[in-house]
N, C-alpha and C. Protein backbone atom coordinates (compact mmCIF):
# COMPACT_ATOMS: atom_id res chain seq x y z
N MET A 1 10.51 4.13 8.28
CA MET A 1 11.19 3.40 9.37
C MET A 1 12.65 3.59 9.23
N ASN A 2 13.24 4.32 10.12
CA ASN A 2 14.65 4.65 10.05
C ASN A 2 15.44 3.90 11.14
N HIS A 3 14.95 2.78 11.59
CA HIS A 3 15.62 2.03 12.63
C HIS A 3 16.44 0.91 11.98
N PRO A 4 17.74 0.81 12.25
CA PRO A 4 18.52 -0.26 11.64
C PRO A 4 18.10 -1.65 12.21
N MET A 5 18.16 -2.60 11.33
CA MET A 5 17.84 -3.98 11.72
C MET A 5 19.03 -4.57 12.47
N ARG A 6 18.75 -5.15 13.62
CA ARG A 6 19.81 -5.73 14.41
C ARG A 6 20.44 -6.91 13.72
N ARG A 7 19.66 -7.85 13.20
CA ARG A 7 20.18 -9.02 12.55
C ARG A 7 20.30 -8.81 11.08
N LYS A 8 21.28 -8.05 10.64
CA LYS A 8 21.47 -7.71 9.20
C LYS A 8 21.58 -8.99 8.35
N ASP A 9 22.11 -10.06 8.94
CA ASP A 9 22.29 -11.30 8.19
C ASP A 9 20.96 -11.91 7.78
N ARG A 10 19.88 -11.51 8.41
CA ARG A 10 18.57 -12.01 8.07
C ARG A 10 17.76 -11.08 7.24
N ALA A 11 18.26 -9.89 6.93
CA ALA A 11 17.52 -8.88 6.20
C ALA A 11 17.25 -9.27 4.75
N LEU A 12 16.09 -8.87 4.31
CA LEU A 12 15.71 -9.14 2.89
C LEU A 12 15.83 -7.83 2.10
N SER A 13 16.04 -7.96 0.81
CA SER A 13 15.96 -6.79 -0.06
C SER A 13 14.53 -6.33 -0.11
N ARG A 14 14.28 -5.16 -0.63
CA ARG A 14 12.91 -4.63 -0.80
C ARG A 14 12.10 -5.57 -1.70
N GLU A 15 12.70 -6.04 -2.77
CA GLU A 15 12.01 -6.95 -3.67
C GLU A 15 11.70 -8.27 -2.99
N GLU A 16 12.63 -8.82 -2.21
CA GLU A 16 12.37 -10.03 -1.49
C GLU A 16 11.29 -9.87 -0.45
N ALA A 17 11.22 -8.72 0.20
CA ALA A 17 10.17 -8.46 1.16
C ALA A 17 8.79 -8.49 0.52
N PHE A 18 8.68 -7.91 -0.66
CA PHE A 18 7.40 -7.91 -1.39
C PHE A 18 7.03 -9.34 -1.81
N GLU A 19 8.00 -10.17 -2.19
CA GLU A 19 7.73 -11.57 -2.51
C GLU A 19 7.22 -12.32 -1.29
N VAL A 20 7.81 -12.09 -0.14
CA VAL A 20 7.34 -12.71 1.09
C VAL A 20 5.90 -12.29 1.36
N LEU A 21 5.64 -11.00 1.28
CA LEU A 21 4.30 -10.45 1.53
C LEU A 21 3.26 -11.16 0.64
N LYS A 22 3.59 -11.38 -0.59
CA LYS A 22 2.67 -12.05 -1.47
C LYS A 22 2.38 -13.50 -1.08
N ARG A 23 3.25 -14.10 -0.29
CA ARG A 23 3.04 -15.48 0.17
C ARG A 23 2.30 -15.56 1.49
N CYS A 24 2.13 -14.41 2.18
CA CYS A 24 1.47 -14.39 3.49
C CYS A 24 -0.07 -14.46 3.32
N GLU A 25 -0.74 -14.96 4.34
CA GLU A 25 -2.20 -15.09 4.27
C GLU A 25 -2.96 -14.06 5.09
N VAL A 26 -2.29 -13.47 6.08
CA VAL A 26 -2.92 -12.45 6.93
C VAL A 26 -1.96 -11.27 7.06
N CYS A 27 -2.49 -10.08 7.03
CA CYS A 27 -1.72 -8.85 7.23
C CYS A 27 -2.36 -8.12 8.42
N ARG A 28 -1.50 -7.75 9.33
CA ARG A 28 -1.99 -7.03 10.54
C ARG A 28 -1.76 -5.54 10.35
N LEU A 29 -2.80 -4.77 10.59
CA LEU A 29 -2.73 -3.30 10.54
C LEU A 29 -2.71 -2.74 11.94
N ALA A 30 -1.82 -1.79 12.20
CA ALA A 30 -1.74 -1.10 13.48
C ALA A 30 -2.09 0.34 13.32
N PHE A 31 -3.11 0.76 14.07
CA PHE A 31 -3.59 2.15 14.02
C PHE A 31 -3.19 2.87 15.29
N SER A 32 -3.00 4.19 15.19
CA SER A 32 -2.75 4.98 16.36
C SER A 32 -4.01 5.13 17.16
N ASP A 33 -3.91 4.93 18.48
CA ASP A 33 -5.07 5.10 19.38
C ASP A 33 -4.52 5.37 20.75
N GLU A 34 -5.36 5.84 21.62
CA GLU A 34 -5.01 6.09 23.01
C GLU A 34 -5.88 5.24 23.89
N PRO A 35 -5.34 4.58 24.92
CA PRO A 35 -3.99 4.73 25.44
C PRO A 35 -2.95 3.80 24.79
N ALA A 36 -3.38 3.01 23.84
CA ALA A 36 -2.46 2.04 23.19
C ALA A 36 -2.84 1.91 21.73
N PRO A 37 -1.90 1.47 20.89
CA PRO A 37 -2.23 1.22 19.49
C PRO A 37 -3.29 0.13 19.35
N TYR A 38 -3.98 0.12 18.22
CA TYR A 38 -5.00 -0.90 17.94
C TYR A 38 -4.48 -1.72 16.76
N LEU A 39 -4.40 -3.01 16.94
CA LEU A 39 -3.86 -3.92 15.95
C LEU A 39 -4.95 -4.88 15.53
N VAL A 40 -5.11 -5.07 14.21
CA VAL A 40 -6.17 -5.92 13.73
C VAL A 40 -5.66 -6.77 12.55
N PRO A 41 -5.89 -8.12 12.60
CA PRO A 41 -5.51 -8.98 11.50
C PRO A 41 -6.55 -8.89 10.40
N MET A 42 -6.09 -8.82 9.13
CA MET A 42 -7.01 -8.68 8.04
C MET A 42 -6.59 -9.51 6.83
N ASN A 43 -7.58 -9.93 6.04
CA ASN A 43 -7.28 -10.50 4.73
C ASN A 43 -6.89 -9.35 3.84
N PHE A 44 -6.06 -9.61 2.79
CA PHE A 44 -5.54 -8.51 2.00
C PHE A 44 -5.23 -9.02 0.60
N GLY A 45 -5.01 -8.05 -0.27
CA GLY A 45 -4.56 -8.30 -1.62
C GLY A 45 -3.41 -7.37 -1.93
N VAL A 46 -2.56 -7.78 -2.86
CA VAL A 46 -1.39 -7.06 -3.27
C VAL A 46 -1.55 -6.67 -4.75
N ALA A 47 -1.26 -5.41 -5.12
CA ALA A 47 -1.37 -5.01 -6.49
C ALA A 47 -0.22 -4.05 -6.85
N GLU A 48 0.07 -4.03 -8.12
CA GLU A 48 1.05 -3.07 -8.64
C GLU A 48 0.26 -1.93 -9.33
N GLU A 49 0.50 -0.75 -8.95
CA GLU A 49 -0.21 0.41 -9.54
C GLU A 49 0.78 1.53 -9.79
N ALA A 50 0.89 1.97 -11.01
CA ALA A 50 1.79 3.08 -11.36
C ALA A 50 3.21 2.82 -10.84
N GLY A 51 3.67 1.60 -10.95
CA GLY A 51 5.04 1.27 -10.52
C GLY A 51 5.19 1.09 -9.04
N GLU A 52 4.14 1.15 -8.27
CA GLU A 52 4.25 0.95 -6.82
C GLU A 52 3.39 -0.20 -6.39
N THR A 53 3.78 -0.85 -5.29
CA THR A 53 2.99 -1.93 -4.72
C THR A 53 2.08 -1.34 -3.66
N VAL A 54 0.80 -1.71 -3.74
CA VAL A 54 -0.21 -1.27 -2.77
C VAL A 54 -0.90 -2.50 -2.19
N LEU A 55 -1.46 -2.31 -1.03
CA LEU A 55 -2.26 -3.38 -0.38
C LEU A 55 -3.71 -2.95 -0.34
N TYR A 56 -4.60 -3.93 -0.46
CA TYR A 56 -6.04 -3.70 -0.37
C TYR A 56 -6.60 -4.55 0.74
N PHE A 57 -7.61 -3.96 1.42
CA PHE A 57 -8.33 -4.66 2.50
C PHE A 57 -9.81 -4.36 2.33
N HIS A 58 -10.64 -5.18 2.92
CA HIS A 58 -12.10 -4.89 2.94
C HIS A 58 -12.56 -5.06 4.38
N CYS A 59 -13.62 -4.37 4.72
CA CYS A 59 -14.14 -4.45 6.10
C CYS A 59 -15.59 -4.05 6.14
N ALA A 60 -16.17 -4.16 7.31
CA ALA A 60 -17.54 -3.71 7.57
C ALA A 60 -17.64 -2.20 7.45
N PRO A 61 -18.82 -1.68 7.22
CA PRO A 61 -18.94 -0.26 7.05
C PRO A 61 -18.91 0.62 8.34
N ALA A 62 -18.67 -0.01 9.45
CA ALA A 62 -18.55 0.70 10.71
C ALA A 62 -17.61 -0.07 11.61
N GLY A 63 -16.97 0.61 12.52
CA GLY A 63 -16.09 -0.04 13.46
C GLY A 63 -14.93 0.81 13.85
N ARG A 64 -14.17 0.24 14.78
CA ARG A 64 -13.04 1.00 15.35
C ARG A 64 -11.99 1.42 14.37
N LYS A 65 -11.64 0.49 13.45
CA LYS A 65 -10.56 0.84 12.49
C LYS A 65 -10.96 2.00 11.59
N LEU A 66 -12.23 2.11 11.20
CA LEU A 66 -12.65 3.26 10.36
C LEU A 66 -12.65 4.56 11.15
N LEU A 67 -13.04 4.47 12.42
CA LEU A 67 -12.97 5.69 13.27
C LEU A 67 -11.52 6.17 13.41
N LEU A 68 -10.60 5.21 13.62
CA LEU A 68 -9.19 5.56 13.77
C LEU A 68 -8.59 6.06 12.46
N LEU A 69 -9.03 5.51 11.38
CA LEU A 69 -8.58 5.94 10.04
C LEU A 69 -8.92 7.38 9.79
N GLU A 70 -10.10 7.78 10.22
CA GLU A 70 -10.51 9.22 10.08
C GLU A 70 -9.60 10.13 10.83
N LYS A 71 -9.13 9.68 11.99
CA LYS A 71 -8.23 10.50 12.86
C LYS A 71 -6.83 10.56 12.29
N ASN A 72 -6.32 9.43 11.79
CA ASN A 72 -4.93 9.35 11.34
C ASN A 72 -4.81 8.23 10.32
N PRO A 73 -4.52 8.58 9.06
CA PRO A 73 -4.42 7.59 8.01
C PRO A 73 -3.05 6.85 7.99
N ARG A 74 -2.09 7.27 8.79
CA ARG A 74 -0.79 6.62 8.84
C ARG A 74 -0.90 5.34 9.66
N VAL A 75 -0.51 4.22 9.09
CA VAL A 75 -0.60 2.93 9.76
C VAL A 75 0.71 2.14 9.60
N CYS A 76 0.88 1.16 10.42
CA CYS A 76 1.96 0.16 10.25
C CYS A 76 1.27 -1.13 9.84
N PHE A 77 2.02 -1.95 9.13
CA PHE A 77 1.50 -3.30 8.78
C PHE A 77 2.59 -4.32 9.02
N GLU A 78 2.15 -5.55 9.23
CA GLU A 78 3.01 -6.70 9.52
C GLU A 78 2.41 -7.94 8.98
N ALA A 79 3.22 -8.80 8.36
CA ALA A 79 2.78 -10.11 7.90
C ALA A 79 3.94 -11.06 8.04
N ASP A 80 3.61 -12.35 8.32
CA ASP A 80 4.67 -13.31 8.52
C ASP A 80 4.25 -14.71 8.13
N ARG A 81 5.24 -15.52 7.98
CA ARG A 81 5.07 -16.91 7.59
C ARG A 81 5.95 -17.80 8.48
N PRO A 82 5.38 -18.45 9.49
CA PRO A 82 6.20 -19.43 10.24
C PRO A 82 6.51 -20.59 9.34
N LEU A 83 7.77 -21.03 9.29
CA LEU A 83 8.15 -22.12 8.39
C LEU A 83 8.30 -23.45 9.16
N SER A 84 8.94 -23.37 10.33
CA SER A 84 9.08 -24.62 11.11
C SER A 84 9.68 -24.29 12.46
N LEU A 85 9.27 -25.00 13.45
CA LEU A 85 9.89 -24.89 14.79
C LEU A 85 11.30 -25.52 14.75
N ILE A 86 12.21 -24.89 15.34
CA ILE A 86 13.58 -25.38 15.39
C ILE A 86 13.86 -25.86 16.82
N ARG A 87 14.04 -27.13 16.99
CA ARG A 87 14.25 -27.71 18.32
C ARG A 87 15.73 -27.72 18.66
N ALA A 88 16.03 -27.74 19.94
CA ALA A 88 17.41 -27.75 20.44
C ALA A 88 17.47 -28.58 21.72
N GLU A 89 18.69 -28.85 22.15
CA GLU A 89 18.93 -29.59 23.37
C GLU A 89 18.37 -28.86 24.57
N GLN A 90 18.64 -27.55 24.65
CA GLN A 90 18.20 -26.74 25.76
C GLN A 90 17.01 -25.79 25.32
N ALA A 91 16.16 -25.52 26.27
CA ALA A 91 14.99 -24.70 25.96
C ALA A 91 15.34 -23.36 25.35
N CYS A 92 16.37 -22.71 25.83
CA CYS A 92 16.76 -21.41 25.29
C CYS A 92 17.35 -21.47 23.86
N GLY A 93 17.59 -22.70 23.37
CA GLY A 93 18.14 -22.84 22.04
C GLY A 93 17.07 -23.01 20.96
N TRP A 94 15.79 -23.17 21.40
CA TRP A 94 14.70 -23.34 20.46
C TRP A 94 14.48 -22.07 19.69
N GLY A 95 13.86 -22.15 18.51
CA GLY A 95 13.57 -20.99 17.71
C GLY A 95 12.57 -21.31 16.63
N MET A 96 12.41 -20.42 15.72
CA MET A 96 11.46 -20.57 14.62
C MET A 96 12.10 -20.12 13.34
N ALA A 97 11.97 -20.97 12.32
CA ALA A 97 12.35 -20.55 10.98
C ALA A 97 11.11 -19.75 10.47
N PHE A 98 11.36 -18.59 9.83
CA PHE A 98 10.26 -17.75 9.46
C PHE A 98 10.65 -16.78 8.36
N GLU A 99 9.66 -16.14 7.79
CA GLU A 99 9.79 -15.00 6.90
C GLU A 99 8.82 -13.95 7.39
N SER A 100 9.21 -12.69 7.44
CA SER A 100 8.28 -11.65 7.89
C SER A 100 8.58 -10.35 7.20
N VAL A 101 7.55 -9.50 7.15
CA VAL A 101 7.69 -8.14 6.65
C VAL A 101 7.00 -7.16 7.59
N ILE A 102 7.51 -5.95 7.61
CA ILE A 102 6.89 -4.92 8.38
C ILE A 102 7.08 -3.61 7.58
N GLY A 103 6.10 -2.73 7.70
CA GLY A 103 6.19 -1.49 6.97
C GLY A 103 5.24 -0.43 7.49
N GLU A 104 5.30 0.70 6.84
CA GLU A 104 4.44 1.83 7.18
C GLU A 104 3.84 2.37 5.89
N GLY A 105 2.72 3.06 6.02
CA GLY A 105 2.10 3.71 4.85
C GLY A 105 0.91 4.47 5.19
N THR A 106 0.22 4.92 4.15
CA THR A 106 -0.99 5.70 4.31
C THR A 106 -2.19 4.93 3.77
N LEU A 107 -3.21 4.86 4.66
CA LEU A 107 -4.42 4.08 4.30
C LEU A 107 -5.53 5.03 3.92
N GLU A 108 -6.29 4.66 2.88
CA GLU A 108 -7.44 5.50 2.49
C GLU A 108 -8.63 4.59 2.20
N ARG A 109 -9.77 5.18 2.40
CA ARG A 109 -11.05 4.50 2.11
C ARG A 109 -11.45 4.90 0.70
N LEU A 110 -11.68 3.90 -0.16
CA LEU A 110 -12.02 4.15 -1.56
C LEU A 110 -13.52 4.38 -1.68
N THR A 111 -13.89 5.25 -2.64
CA THR A 111 -15.26 5.58 -2.86
C THR A 111 -15.76 5.31 -4.28
N GLU A 112 -14.86 5.29 -5.24
CA GLU A 112 -15.22 5.06 -6.62
C GLU A 112 -15.43 3.56 -6.86
N LEU A 113 -16.52 3.20 -7.58
CA LEU A 113 -16.82 1.81 -7.80
C LEU A 113 -15.64 1.05 -8.49
N GLU A 114 -15.08 1.63 -9.50
CA GLU A 114 -14.02 0.92 -10.24
C GLU A 114 -12.78 0.72 -9.38
N GLU A 115 -12.44 1.71 -8.53
CA GLU A 115 -11.29 1.53 -7.65
C GLU A 115 -11.58 0.41 -6.62
N LYS A 116 -12.81 0.44 -6.10
CA LYS A 116 -13.20 -0.61 -5.13
C LYS A 116 -13.18 -2.02 -5.78
N ARG A 117 -13.69 -2.08 -7.01
CA ARG A 117 -13.71 -3.33 -7.76
C ARG A 117 -12.26 -3.81 -7.98
N GLY A 118 -11.34 -2.91 -8.31
CA GLY A 118 -9.96 -3.28 -8.44
C GLY A 118 -9.32 -3.81 -7.18
N GLY A 119 -9.69 -3.18 -6.03
CA GLY A 119 -9.18 -3.67 -4.75
C GLY A 119 -9.72 -5.04 -4.39
N LEU A 120 -11.03 -5.25 -4.65
CA LEU A 120 -11.60 -6.53 -4.37
C LEU A 120 -11.03 -7.63 -5.30
N THR A 121 -10.72 -7.25 -6.56
CA THR A 121 -10.07 -8.18 -7.44
C THR A 121 -8.70 -8.58 -6.92
N ALA A 122 -7.92 -7.61 -6.40
CA ALA A 122 -6.62 -7.93 -5.80
C ALA A 122 -6.74 -8.86 -4.64
N LEU A 123 -7.78 -8.66 -3.81
CA LEU A 123 -8.01 -9.57 -2.69
C LEU A 123 -8.29 -11.00 -3.16
N MET A 124 -9.19 -11.12 -4.10
CA MET A 124 -9.59 -12.43 -4.62
C MET A 124 -8.40 -13.12 -5.34
N ARG A 125 -7.62 -12.34 -6.09
CA ARG A 125 -6.50 -12.87 -6.82
C ARG A 125 -5.47 -13.43 -5.80
N HIS A 126 -5.28 -12.75 -4.66
CA HIS A 126 -4.33 -13.15 -3.66
C HIS A 126 -4.67 -14.54 -3.11
N TYR A 127 -5.94 -14.80 -2.86
CA TYR A 127 -6.35 -16.05 -2.24
C TYR A 127 -6.79 -17.12 -3.25
N ALA A 128 -7.38 -16.73 -4.38
CA ALA A 128 -7.91 -17.70 -5.33
C ALA A 128 -6.92 -18.01 -6.44
N GLY A 129 -6.00 -17.06 -6.68
CA GLY A 129 -5.00 -17.29 -7.74
C GLY A 129 -5.58 -17.13 -9.14
N GLU A 130 -6.81 -16.65 -9.26
CA GLU A 130 -7.40 -16.44 -10.57
C GLU A 130 -7.26 -14.97 -10.93
N GLU A 131 -7.62 -14.65 -12.18
CA GLU A 131 -7.41 -13.28 -12.67
C GLU A 131 -8.72 -12.45 -12.77
N GLU A 132 -9.84 -13.09 -13.10
CA GLU A 132 -11.02 -12.34 -13.39
C GLU A 132 -12.14 -12.72 -12.42
N PHE A 133 -12.84 -11.68 -11.94
CA PHE A 133 -13.97 -11.91 -11.03
C PHE A 133 -15.09 -10.93 -11.38
N THR A 134 -16.28 -11.28 -11.04
CA THR A 134 -17.43 -10.42 -11.27
C THR A 134 -17.96 -9.99 -9.90
N PHE A 135 -18.17 -8.68 -9.75
CA PHE A 135 -18.73 -8.15 -8.54
C PHE A 135 -19.93 -7.26 -8.88
N PRO A 136 -21.13 -7.67 -8.40
CA PRO A 136 -22.30 -6.86 -8.69
C PRO A 136 -22.15 -5.42 -8.10
N ASP A 137 -22.62 -4.45 -8.82
CA ASP A 137 -22.50 -3.03 -8.35
C ASP A 137 -23.07 -2.85 -6.96
N ALA A 138 -24.21 -3.42 -6.65
CA ALA A 138 -24.84 -3.25 -5.37
C ALA A 138 -23.93 -3.76 -4.25
N MET A 139 -23.25 -4.88 -4.50
CA MET A 139 -22.38 -5.42 -3.47
C MET A 139 -21.15 -4.52 -3.30
N VAL A 140 -20.61 -4.03 -4.38
CA VAL A 140 -19.41 -3.17 -4.34
C VAL A 140 -19.77 -1.86 -3.60
N GLU A 141 -20.92 -1.31 -3.88
CA GLU A 141 -21.36 -0.06 -3.23
C GLU A 141 -21.39 -0.21 -1.72
N HIS A 142 -21.77 -1.35 -1.23
CA HIS A 142 -21.94 -1.56 0.23
C HIS A 142 -20.71 -2.14 0.88
N THR A 143 -19.68 -2.40 0.15
CA THR A 143 -18.42 -2.93 0.74
C THR A 143 -17.39 -1.83 0.92
N VAL A 144 -16.81 -1.80 2.09
CA VAL A 144 -15.74 -0.84 2.35
C VAL A 144 -14.42 -1.45 1.90
N VAL A 145 -13.72 -0.75 1.01
CA VAL A 145 -12.44 -1.18 0.49
C VAL A 145 -11.41 -0.11 0.86
N LEU A 146 -10.30 -0.58 1.43
CA LEU A 146 -9.22 0.27 1.85
C LEU A 146 -7.97 0.04 1.02
N ARG A 147 -7.25 1.09 0.69
CA ARG A 147 -6.00 0.95 -0.04
C ARG A 147 -4.86 1.52 0.81
N LEU A 148 -3.82 0.71 0.96
CA LEU A 148 -2.59 1.12 1.72
C LEU A 148 -1.50 1.42 0.71
N THR A 149 -1.09 2.66 0.63
CA THR A 149 0.05 3.04 -0.18
C THR A 149 1.28 2.91 0.70
N ILE A 150 2.17 2.03 0.36
CA ILE A 150 3.34 1.72 1.18
C ILE A 150 4.38 2.78 1.08
N GLY A 151 4.82 3.28 2.24
CA GLY A 151 5.86 4.23 2.33
C GLY A 151 7.21 3.60 2.53
N SER A 152 7.25 2.56 3.39
CA SER A 152 8.47 1.83 3.67
C SER A 152 8.14 0.35 4.01
N ILE A 153 9.08 -0.51 3.67
CA ILE A 153 8.90 -1.93 3.97
C ILE A 153 10.25 -2.49 4.17
N SER A 154 10.32 -3.51 5.12
CA SER A 154 11.56 -4.27 5.32
C SER A 154 11.15 -5.70 5.58
N GLY A 155 12.02 -6.60 5.38
CA GLY A 155 11.75 -8.00 5.58
C GLY A 155 12.88 -8.74 6.25
N LYS A 156 12.55 -9.87 6.79
CA LYS A 156 13.51 -10.65 7.55
C LYS A 156 13.21 -12.11 7.31
N ARG A 157 14.28 -12.96 7.27
CA ARG A 157 14.09 -14.38 7.10
C ARG A 157 15.10 -15.13 7.97
N ARG A 158 14.61 -16.14 8.63
CA ARG A 158 15.43 -17.13 9.32
C ARG A 158 15.13 -18.46 8.67
N PRO A 159 16.09 -18.94 7.84
CA PRO A 159 15.80 -20.21 7.16
C PRO A 159 15.96 -21.41 8.06
N LEU A 160 15.49 -22.51 7.58
CA LEU A 160 15.68 -23.76 8.30
C LEU A 160 17.16 -24.09 8.38
N PRO A 161 17.66 -24.60 9.49
CA PRO A 161 19.09 -24.96 9.52
C PRO A 161 19.34 -26.16 8.65
N GLU A 162 20.52 -26.21 8.07
CA GLU A 162 20.90 -27.33 7.23
C GLU A 162 21.09 -28.55 8.13
N GLN A 163 20.60 -29.68 7.63
CA GLN A 163 20.69 -30.92 8.39
C GLN A 163 22.00 -31.63 8.14
């Protein structure tokens, strides 16, 4: 993403963007399609691998996102956290305090059991906050696990106004 952020005063560092991402509950993936992009909200997990942050997703073994993945593995992602509605005297003065991240990367479908198990562990860790989980081989074999290698990420924050 080589587009400059308009509100540089709200920009987050790369590290801050990853911290915001870890606090989000839903990540939206955008796939290339015709005549318009396809956007889908997904549960996700965040993991550090070989010094890089990656995202994991799981899904059904058939569907539009997998067809689009076969055509083009480059995707965009977005996640956000609304913090609070900001009220004002006039309607045009209203706003939202928020944190958000957006990025691009390459998505791949995992096939090896141990890689899939690692991705599912990252998903569970993200939501449950625990470290260890057991996944039966038969379940892992039938679950589609996707890994997103992040190429670029940026973040933005509008804090609550001071009272």
